[in-house]
PDB file of N, CA and C in Angstrom:
ATOM      1  N   MET A   1    -187.085 -33.759 -56.441  1.00  0.00           N
ATOM      2  CA  MET A   1    -187.123 -35.213 -56.582  1.00  0.00           C
ATOM      3  C   MET A   1    -188.485 -35.989 -56.041  1.00  0.00           C
ATOM      4  N   LEU A   2    -189.335 -35.191 -55.677  1.00  0.00           N
ATOM      5  CA  LEU A   2    -190.746 -35.771 -55.433  1.00  0.00           C
ATOM      6  C   LEU A   2    -191.533 -35.782 -56.689  1.00  0.00           C
ATOM      7  N   GLN A   3    -191.202 -34.775 -57.331  1.00  0.00           N
ATOM      8  CA  GLN A   3    -192.015 -34.932 -58.920  1.00  0.00           C
ATOM      9  C   GLN A   3    -191.469 -36.188 -59.536  1.00  0.00           C
ATOM     10  N   LEU A   4    -190.288 -36.599 -59.378  1.00  0.00           N
ATOM     11  CA  LEU A   4    -189.842 -37.712 -60.229  1.00  0.00           C
ATOM     12  C   LEU A   4    -190.342 -39.159 -59.659  1.00  0.00           C
ATOM     13  N   ARG A   5    -190.644 -38.795 -58.492  1.00  0.00           N
ATOM     14  CA  ARG A   5    -191.406 -40.079 -57.629  1.00  0.00           C
ATOM     15  C   ARG A   5    -192.810 -40.321 -57.953  1.00  0.00           C
ATOM     16  N   GLY A   6    -193.191 -39.400 -58.670  1.00  0.00           N
ATOM     17  CA  GLY A   6    -195.030 -39.593 -58.887  1.00  0.00           C
ATOM     18  C   GLY A   6    -195.626 -39.022 -57.845  1.00  0.00           C
ATOM     19  N   VAL A   7    -195.299 -38.050 -57.140  1.00  0.00           N
ATOM     20  CA  VAL A   7    -196.007 -37.432 -55.906  1.00  0.00           C
ATOM     21  C   VAL A   7    -196.790 -36.484 -56.403  1.00  0.00           C
ATOM     22  N   GLN A   8    -196.094 -35.757 -57.657  1.00  0.00           N
ATOM     23  CA  GLN A   8    -196.930 -34.466 -58.366  1.00  0.00           C
ATOM     24  C   GLN A   8    -198.287 -35.055 -59.046  1.00  0.00           C
ATOM     25  N   THR A   9    -199.292 -34.372 -58.551  1.00  0.00           N
ATOM     26  CA  THR A   9    -200.589 -34.758 -58.930  1.00  0.00           C
ATOM     27  C   THR A   9    -201.391 -33.533 -59.571  1.00  0.00           C
ATOM     28  N   GLY A  10    -202.662 -33.820 -59.865  1.00  0.00           N
ATOM     29  CA  GLY A  10    -203.313 -32.710 -60.624  1.00  0.00           C
ATOM     30  C   GLY A  10    -203.912 -32.986 -61.838  1.00  0.00           C
ATOM     31  N   PRO A  11    -204.713 -31.856 -62.657  1.00  0.00           N
ATOM     32  CA  PRO A  11    -204.960 -32.076 -63.958  1.00  0.00           C
ATOM     33  C   PRO A  11    -203.769 -31.938 -64.754  1.00  0.00           C
ATOM     34  N   THR A  12    -202.720 -30.751 -64.468  1.00  0.00           N
ATOM     35  CA  THR A  12    -201.778 -30.670 -65.320  1.00  0.00           C
ATOM     36  C   THR A  12    -200.745 -31.819 -65.255  1.00  0.00           C
ATOM     37  N   ALA A  13    -200.361 -32.419 -64.184  1.00  0.00           N
ATOM     38  CA  ALA A  13    -199.785 -33.397 -64.192  1.00  0.00           C
ATOM     39  C   ALA A  13    -200.376 -34.819 -64.836  1.00  0.00           C
ATOM     40  N   ASP A  14    -201.599 -34.898 -64.679  1.00  0.00           N
ATOM     41  CA  ASP A  14    -202.360 -35.738 -65.387  1.00  0.00           C
ATOM     42  C   ASP A  14    -202.240 -35.780 -66.961  1.00  0.00           C
ATOM     43  N   ALA A  15    -202.678 -34.562 -67.401  1.00  0.00           N
ATOM     44  CA  ALA A  15    -202.454 -34.494 -68.592  1.00  0.00           C
ATOM     45  C   ALA A  15    -201.043 -34.657 -69.468  1.00  0.00           C
ATOM     46  N   ALA A  16    -200.301 -34.362 -68.667  1.00  0.00           N
ATOM     47  CA  ALA A  16    -198.603 -34.550 -69.044  1.00  0.00           C
ATOM     48  C   ALA A  16    -198.588 -35.814 -68.989  1.00  0.00           C
ATOM     49  N   ARG A  17    -198.859 -36.870 -68.004  1.00  0.00           N
ATOM     50  CA  ARG A  17    -198.753 -38.145 -67.903  1.00  0.00           C
ATOM     51  C   ARG A  17    -199.263 -38.793 -69.199  1.00  0.00           C
ATOM     52  N   ARG A  18    -200.559 -38.337 -69.466  1.00  0.00           N
ATOM     53  CA  ARG A  18    -201.146 -39.102 -70.610  1.00  0.00           C
ATOM     54  C   ARG A  18    -200.598 -38.769 -71.816  1.00  0.00           C
ATOM     55  N   LEU A  19    -200.277 -37.258 -72.152  1.00  0.00           N
ATOM     56  CA  LEU A  19    -199.268 -36.868 -73.156  1.00  0.00           C
ATOM     57  C   LEU A  19    -198.049 -37.857 -73.393  1.00  0.00           C
ATOM     58  N   LEU A  20    -197.158 -38.027 -72.400  1.00  0.00           N
ATOM     59  CA  LEU A  20    -196.116 -38.485 -72.662  1.00  0.00           C
ATOM     60  C   LEU A  20    -196.354 -40.079 -72.971  1.00  0.00           C
ATOM     61  N   ARG A  21    -197.135 -40.791 -71.996  1.00  0.00           N
ATOM     62  CA  ARG A  21    -197.450 -42.110 -72.442  1.00  0.00           C
ATOM     63  C   ARG A  21    -197.665 -42.335 -73.899  1.00  0.00           C
ATOM     64  N   GLY A  22    -198.798 -41.461 -74.280  1.00  0.00           N
ATOM     65  CA  GLY A  22    -198.931 -41.553 -75.850  1.00  0.00           C
ATOM     66  C   GLY A  22    -197.957 -41.398 -76.871  1.00  0.00           C
ATOM     67  N   LEU A  23    -197.074 -40.325 -76.386  1.00  0.00           N
ATOM     68  CA  LEU A  23    -195.948 -39.963 -77.317  1.00  0.00           C
ATOM     69  C   LEU A  23    -194.984 -41.194 -77.269  1.00  0.00           C
ATOM     70  N   SER A  24    -194.810 -41.839 -76.250  1.00  0.00           N
ATOM     71  CA  SER A  24    -193.778 -42.823 -76.135  1.00  0.00           C
ATOM     72  C   SER A  24    -194.525 -44.067 -76.650  1.00  0.00           C
ATOM     73  N   HIS A  25    -195.788 -44.338 -76.865  1.00  0.00           N
ATOM     74  CA  HIS A  25    -196.361 -45.447 -77.533  1.00  0.00           C
ATOM     75  C   HIS A  25    -196.074 -44.996 -79.013  1.00  0.00           C
ATOM     76  N   SER A  26    -196.305 -43.885 -79.448  1.00  0.00           N
ATOM     77  CA  SER A  26    -196.331 -43.642 -80.825  1.00  0.00           C
ATOM     78  C   SER A  26    -194.926 -43.763 -81.293  1.00  0.00           C
ATOM     79  N   ALA A  27    -194.030 -43.270 -80.526  1.00  0.00           N
ATOM     80  CA  ALA A  27    -192.811 -43.306 -80.856  1.00  0.00           C
ATOM     81  C   ALA A  27    -192.226 -44.923 -81.189  1.00  0.00           C
ATOM     82  N   GLY A  28    -192.579 -45.671 -80.441  1.00  0.00           N
ATOM     83  CA  GLY A  28    -192.669 -47.138 -80.642  1.00  0.00           C
ATOM     84  C   GLY A  28    -193.144 -47.560 -82.038  1.00  0.00           C
ATOM     85  N   LEU A  29    -194.260 -47.116 -82.072  1.00  0.00           N
ATOM     86  CA  LEU A  29    -195.017 -47.494 -83.145  1.00  0.00           C
ATOM     87  C   LEU A  29    -194.239 -46.981 -84.758  1.00  0.00           C
ATOM     88  N   ILE A  30    -193.556 -45.827 -84.644  1.00  0.00           N
ATOM     89  CA  ILE A  30    -192.732 -45.100 -85.659  1.00  0.00           C
ATOM     90  C   ILE A  30    -191.522 -46.028 -85.779  1.00  0.00           C
ATOM     91  N   GLU A  31    -191.002 -46.313 -84.642  1.00  0.00           N
ATOM     92  CA  GLU A  31    -189.593 -47.105 -84.670  1.00  0.00           C
ATOM     93  C   GLU A  31    -189.718 -48.403 -85.288  1.00  0.00           C
ATOM     94  N   ASN A  32    -191.090 -49.129 -85.001  1.00  0.00           N
ATOM     95  CA  ASN A  32    -191.156 -50.614 -85.614  1.00  0.00           C
ATOM     96  C   ASN A  32    -191.458 -50.241 -87.295  1.00  0.00           C
ATOM     97  N   ALA A  33    -192.118 -49.066 -87.482  1.00  0.00           N
ATOM     98  CA  ALA A  33    -192.559 -48.861 -88.844  1.00  0.00           C
ATOM     99  C   ALA A  33    -191.182 -48.724 -89.566  1.00  0.00           C
ATOM    100  N   TRP A  34    -190.405 -47.875 -89.341  1.00  0.00           N
ATOM    101  CA  TRP A  34    -188.942 -47.624 -89.784  1.00  0.00           C
ATOM    102  C   TRP A  34    -188.390 -49.026 -89.944  1.00  0.00           C
ATOM    103  N   LYS A  35    -188.211 -49.713 -89.253  1.00  0.00           N
ATOM    104  CA  LYS A  35    -187.459 -50.826 -88.910  1.00  0.00           C
ATOM    105  C   LYS A  35    -188.004 -51.858 -89.821  1.00  0.00           C
ATOM    106  N   TRP A  36    -189.060 -51.938 -90.227  1.00  0.00           N
ATOM    107  CA  TRP A  36    -189.744 -52.831 -90.886  1.00  0.00           C
ATOM    108  C   TRP A  36    -189.644 -52.497 -92.460  1.00  0.00           C
ATOM    109  N   THR A  37    -189.862 -51.085 -92.640  1.00  0.00           N
ATOM    110  CA  THR A  37    -189.678 -50.710 -93.868  1.00  0.00           C
ATOM    111  C   THR A  37    -188.151 -50.850 -94.313  1.00  0.00           C
ATOM    112  N   ALA A  38    -187.081 -50.724 -93.553  1.00  0.00           N
ATOM    113  CA  ALA A  38    -185.745 -51.059 -93.975  1.00  0.00           C
ATOM    114  C   ALA A  38    -185.479 -52.357 -94.087  1.00  0.00           C
ATOM    115  N   VAL A  39    -186.295 -53.467 -93.480  1.00  0.00           N
ATOM    116  CA  VAL A  39    -186.414 -54.891 -93.886  1.00  0.00           C
ATOM    117  C   VAL A  39    -186.808 -54.959 -95.024  1.00  0.00           C
ATOM    118  N   ALA A  40    -187.905 -54.167 -95.418  1.00  0.00           N
ATOM    119  CA  ALA A  40    -188.554 -54.615 -96.743  1.00  0.00           C
ATOM    120  C   ALA A  40    -187.756 -54.282 -97.831  1.00  0.00           C
ATOM    121  N   ALA A  41    -187.099 -53.136 -97.612  1.00  0.00           N
ATOM    122  CA  ALA A  41    -186.272 -52.338 -98.834  1.00  0.00           C
ATOM    123  C   ALA A  41    -184.851 -53.369 -98.971  1.00  0.00           C
ATOM    124  N   VAL A  42    -184.356 -53.674 -97.974  1.00  0.00           N
ATOM    125  CA  VAL A  42    -183.171 -54.970 -98.304  1.00  0.00           C
ATOM    126  C   VAL A  42    -183.736 -55.865 -98.760  1.00  0.00           C
ATOM    127  N   ASN A  43    -184.799 -56.616 -98.382  1.00  0.00           N
ATOM    128  CA  ASN A  43    -185.301 -57.765 -98.844  1.00  0.00           C
ATOM    129  C   ASN A  43    -185.674 -57.677-100.080  1.00  0.00           C
ATOM    130  N   GLY A  44    -186.138 -56.374-100.666  1.00  0.00           N
ATOM    131  CA  GLY A  44    -186.473 -56.193-101.997  1.00  0.00           C
ATOM    132  C   GLY A  44    -185.351 -55.639-102.831  1.00  0.00           C
ATOM    133  N   GLY A  45    -184.052 -55.903-102.544  1.00  0.00           N
ATOM    134  CA  GLY A  45    -183.153 -55.463-103.201  1.00  0.00           C
ATOM    135  C   GLY A  45    -182.277 -54.325-103.236  1.00  0.00           C
ATOM    136  N   VAL A  46    -182.670 -53.450-102.334  1.00  0.00           N
ATOM    137  CA  VAL A  46    -181.834 -52.237-102.186  1.00  0.00           C
ATOM    138  C   VAL A  46    -180.688 -52.633-101.339  1.00  0.00           C
ATOM    139  N   PRO A  47    -179.434 -52.054-101.708  1.00  0.00           N
ATOM    140  CA  PRO A  47    -178.579 -52.387-100.937  1.00  0.00           C
ATOM    141  C   PRO A  47    -178.470 -51.869 -99.369  1.00  0.00           C
ATOM    142  N   LEU A  48    -177.988 -52.504 -98.559  1.00  0.00           N
ATOM    143  CA  LEU A  48    -177.820 -52.145 -97.093  1.00  0.00           C
ATOM    144  C   LEU A  48    -176.962 -50.720 -97.091  1.00  0.00           C
ATOM    145  N   GLU A  49    -176.115 -50.391 -97.655  1.00  0.00           N
ATOM    146  CA  GLU A  49    -175.586 -49.277 -97.696  1.00  0.00           C
ATOM    147  C   GLU A  49    -176.588 -47.979 -98.057  1.00  0.00           C
ATOM    148  N   GLU A  50    -177.289 -48.045 -99.032  1.00  0.00           N
ATOM    149  CA  GLU A  50    -178.244 -47.248 -99.477  1.00  0.00           C
ATOM    150  C   GLU A  50    -179.522 -47.156 -98.310  1.00  0.00           C
ATOM    151  N   VAL A  51    -180.001 -48.343 -97.916  1.00  0.00           N
ATOM    152  CA  VAL A  51    -180.768 -48.114 -96.856  1.00  0.00           C
ATOM    153  C   VAL A  51    -180.301 -47.316 -95.375  1.00  0.00           C
ATOM    154  N   ALA A  52    -179.198 -47.651 -95.283  1.00  0.00           N
ATOM    155  CA  ALA A  52    -178.500 -46.909 -93.874  1.00  0.00           C
ATOM    156  C   ALA A  52    -178.208 -45.537 -94.365  1.00  0.00           C
ATOM    157  N   ARG A  53    -178.036 -45.062 -95.398  1.00  0.00           N
ATOM    158  CA  ARG A  53    -178.136 -43.617 -95.848  1.00  0.00           C
ATOM    159  C   ARG A  53    -179.080 -42.853 -95.476  1.00  0.00           C
ATOM    160  N   TRP A  54    -180.654 -43.695 -95.946  1.00  0.00           N
ATOM    161  CA  TRP A  54    -181.703 -43.399 -95.748  1.00  0.00           C
ATOM    162  C   TRP A  54    -182.063 -42.975 -94.573  1.00  0.00           C
ATOM    163  N   VAL A  55    -181.659 -43.873 -93.753  1.00  0.00           N
ATOM    164  CA  VAL A  55    -181.924 -43.716 -92.169  1.00  0.00           C
ATOM    165  C   VAL A  55    -180.911 -43.059 -91.421  1.00  0.00           C
ATOM    166  N   ASP A  56    -179.746 -42.600 -92.099  1.00  0.00           N
ATOM    167  CA  ASP A  56    -178.861 -41.747 -91.370  1.00  0.00           C
ATOM    168  C   ASP A  56    -178.265 -42.577 -90.101  1.00  0.00           C
ATOM    169  N   MET A  57    -177.733 -43.759 -90.330  1.00  0.00           N
ATOM    170  CA  MET A  57    -177.326 -44.867 -89.484  1.00  0.00           C
ATOM    171  C   MET A  57    -176.087 -45.588 -90.084  1.00  0.00           C
ATOM    172  N   PRO A  58    -175.150 -45.963 -89.284  1.00  0.00           N
ATOM    173  CA  PRO A  58    -173.971 -46.755 -89.865  1.00  0.00           C
ATOM    174  C   PRO A  58    -174.436 -47.998 -90.378  1.00  0.00           C
ATOM    175  N   VAL A  59    -173.797 -48.539 -91.595  1.00  0.00           N
ATOM    176  CA  VAL A  59    -174.157 -49.838 -92.040  1.00  0.00           C
ATOM    177  C   VAL A  59    -174.243 -50.935 -91.039  1.00  0.00           C
ATOM    178  N   GLU A  60    -173.034 -50.640 -90.401  1.00  0.00           N
ATOM    179  CA  GLU A  60    -172.744 -52.187 -89.352  1.00  0.00           C
ATOM    180  C   GLU A  60    -173.894 -51.923 -88.302  1.00  0.00           C
ATOM    181  N   ALA A  61    -174.437 -50.887 -87.825  1.00  0.00           N
ATOM    182  CA  ALA A  61    -175.335 -50.811 -86.604  1.00  0.00           C
ATOM    183  C   ALA A  61    -176.715 -51.057 -87.512  1.00  0.00           C
ATOM    184  N   LEU A  62    -176.832 -50.673 -88.652  1.00  0.00           N
ATOM    185  CA  LEU A  62    -178.447 -51.243 -89.528  1.00  0.00           C
ATOM    186  C   LEU A  62    -178.167 -52.940 -89.483  1.00  0.00           C
ATOM    187  N   SER A  63    -177.007 -53.430 -89.941  1.00  0.00           N
ATOM    188  CA  SER A  63    -177.013 -54.815 -90.195  1.00  0.00           C
ATOM    189  C   SER A  63    -177.261 -55.425 -88.776  1.00  0.00           C
ATOM    190  N   GLN A  64    -176.788 -54.838 -87.920  1.00  0.00           N
ATOM    191  CA  GLN A  64    -176.845 -55.707 -86.367  1.00  0.00           C
ATOM    192  C   GLN A  64    -178.445 -55.576 -86.200  1.00  0.00           C
ATOM    193  N   MET A  65    -179.059 -54.371 -86.418  1.00  0.00           N
ATOM    194  CA  MET A  65    -180.537 -54.156 -85.971  1.00  0.00           C
ATOM    195  C   MET A  65    -181.380 -55.276 -86.879  1.00  0.00           C
ATOM    196  N   LEU A  66    -181.051 -55.191 -87.893  1.00  0.00           N
ATOM    197  CA  LEU A  66    -181.695 -56.140 -88.781  1.00  0.00           C
ATOM    198  C   LEU A  66    -181.348 -57.649 -88.722  1.00  0.00           C
ATOM    199  N   THR A  67    -180.464 -58.041 -88.101  1.00  0.00           N
ATOM    200  CA  THR A  67    -179.900 -59.418 -87.688  1.00  0.00           C
ATOM    201  C   THR A  67    -180.588 -59.721 -86.386  1.00  0.00           C
ATOM    202  N   ALA A  68    -180.681 -58.721 -85.730  1.00  0.00           N
ATOM    203  CA  ALA A  68    -181.337 -58.840 -84.302  1.00  0.00           C
ATOM    204  C   ALA A  68    -182.755 -59.003 -84.230  1.00  0.00           C
ATOM    205  N   GLY A  69    -183.417 -58.543 -85.303  1.00  0.00           N
ATOM    206  CA  GLY A  69    -184.963 -58.387 -85.519  1.00  0.00           C
ATOM    207  C   GLY A  69    -185.361 -59.778 -86.391  1.00  0.00           C
ATOM    208  N   ARG A  70    -184.482 -60.407 -87.162  1.00  0.00           N
ATOM    209  CA  ARG A  70    -184.658 -61.599 -87.714  1.00  0.00           C
ATOM    210  C   ARG A  70    -184.637 -62.835 -86.562  1.00  0.00           C
ATOM    211  N   GLN A  71    -183.711 -62.580 -85.947  1.00  0.00           N
ATOM    212  CA  GLN A  71    -183.617 -63.509 -84.619  1.00  0.00           C
ATOM    213  C   GLN A  71    -184.570 -63.700 -83.758  1.00  0.00           C
ATOM    214  N   GLU A  72    -185.081 -62.333 -83.163  1.00  0.00           N
ATOM    215  CA  GLU A  72    -186.531 -62.075 -82.204  1.00  0.00           C
ATOM    216  C   GLU A  72    -187.627 -62.655 -82.909  1.00  0.00           C
ATOM    217  N   ASN A  73    -187.589 -62.574 -84.325  1.00  0.00           N
ATOM    218  CA  ASN A  73    -188.830 -62.982 -84.963  1.00  0.00           C
ATOM    219  C   ASN A  73    -188.912 -64.395 -85.601  1.00  0.00           C
ATOM    220  N   GLY A  74    -187.676 -65.300 -85.050  1.00  0.00           N
ATOM    221  CA  GLY A  74    -187.446 -66.653 -85.270  1.00  0.00           C
ATOM    222  C   GLY A  74    -187.091 -66.903 -86.522  1.00  0.00           C
ATOM    223  N   GLY A  75    -186.376 -65.805 -87.356  1.00  0.00           N
ATOM    224  CA  GLY A  75    -185.992 -66.076 -88.862  1.00  0.00           C
ATOM    225  C   GLY A  75    -184.294 -66.056 -88.853  1.00  0.00           C
TER     226      GLY A  75
END
């Protein structure tokens, strides 16, 4: 539990912390990239069902994600 609270210190912990922060940031960028690509595909006329297959996601979930993205961006 002490490690979970950030008590662990030292070069290994610092390196792990930096690596995890970098990976987390990269994962966020990748997630945004696939979402924008999915939006571009749908806007370009690719059927939602096909895009859902590409991203291995249920059509309903992809539709909700795209709708939520439009609302967040004021569209």
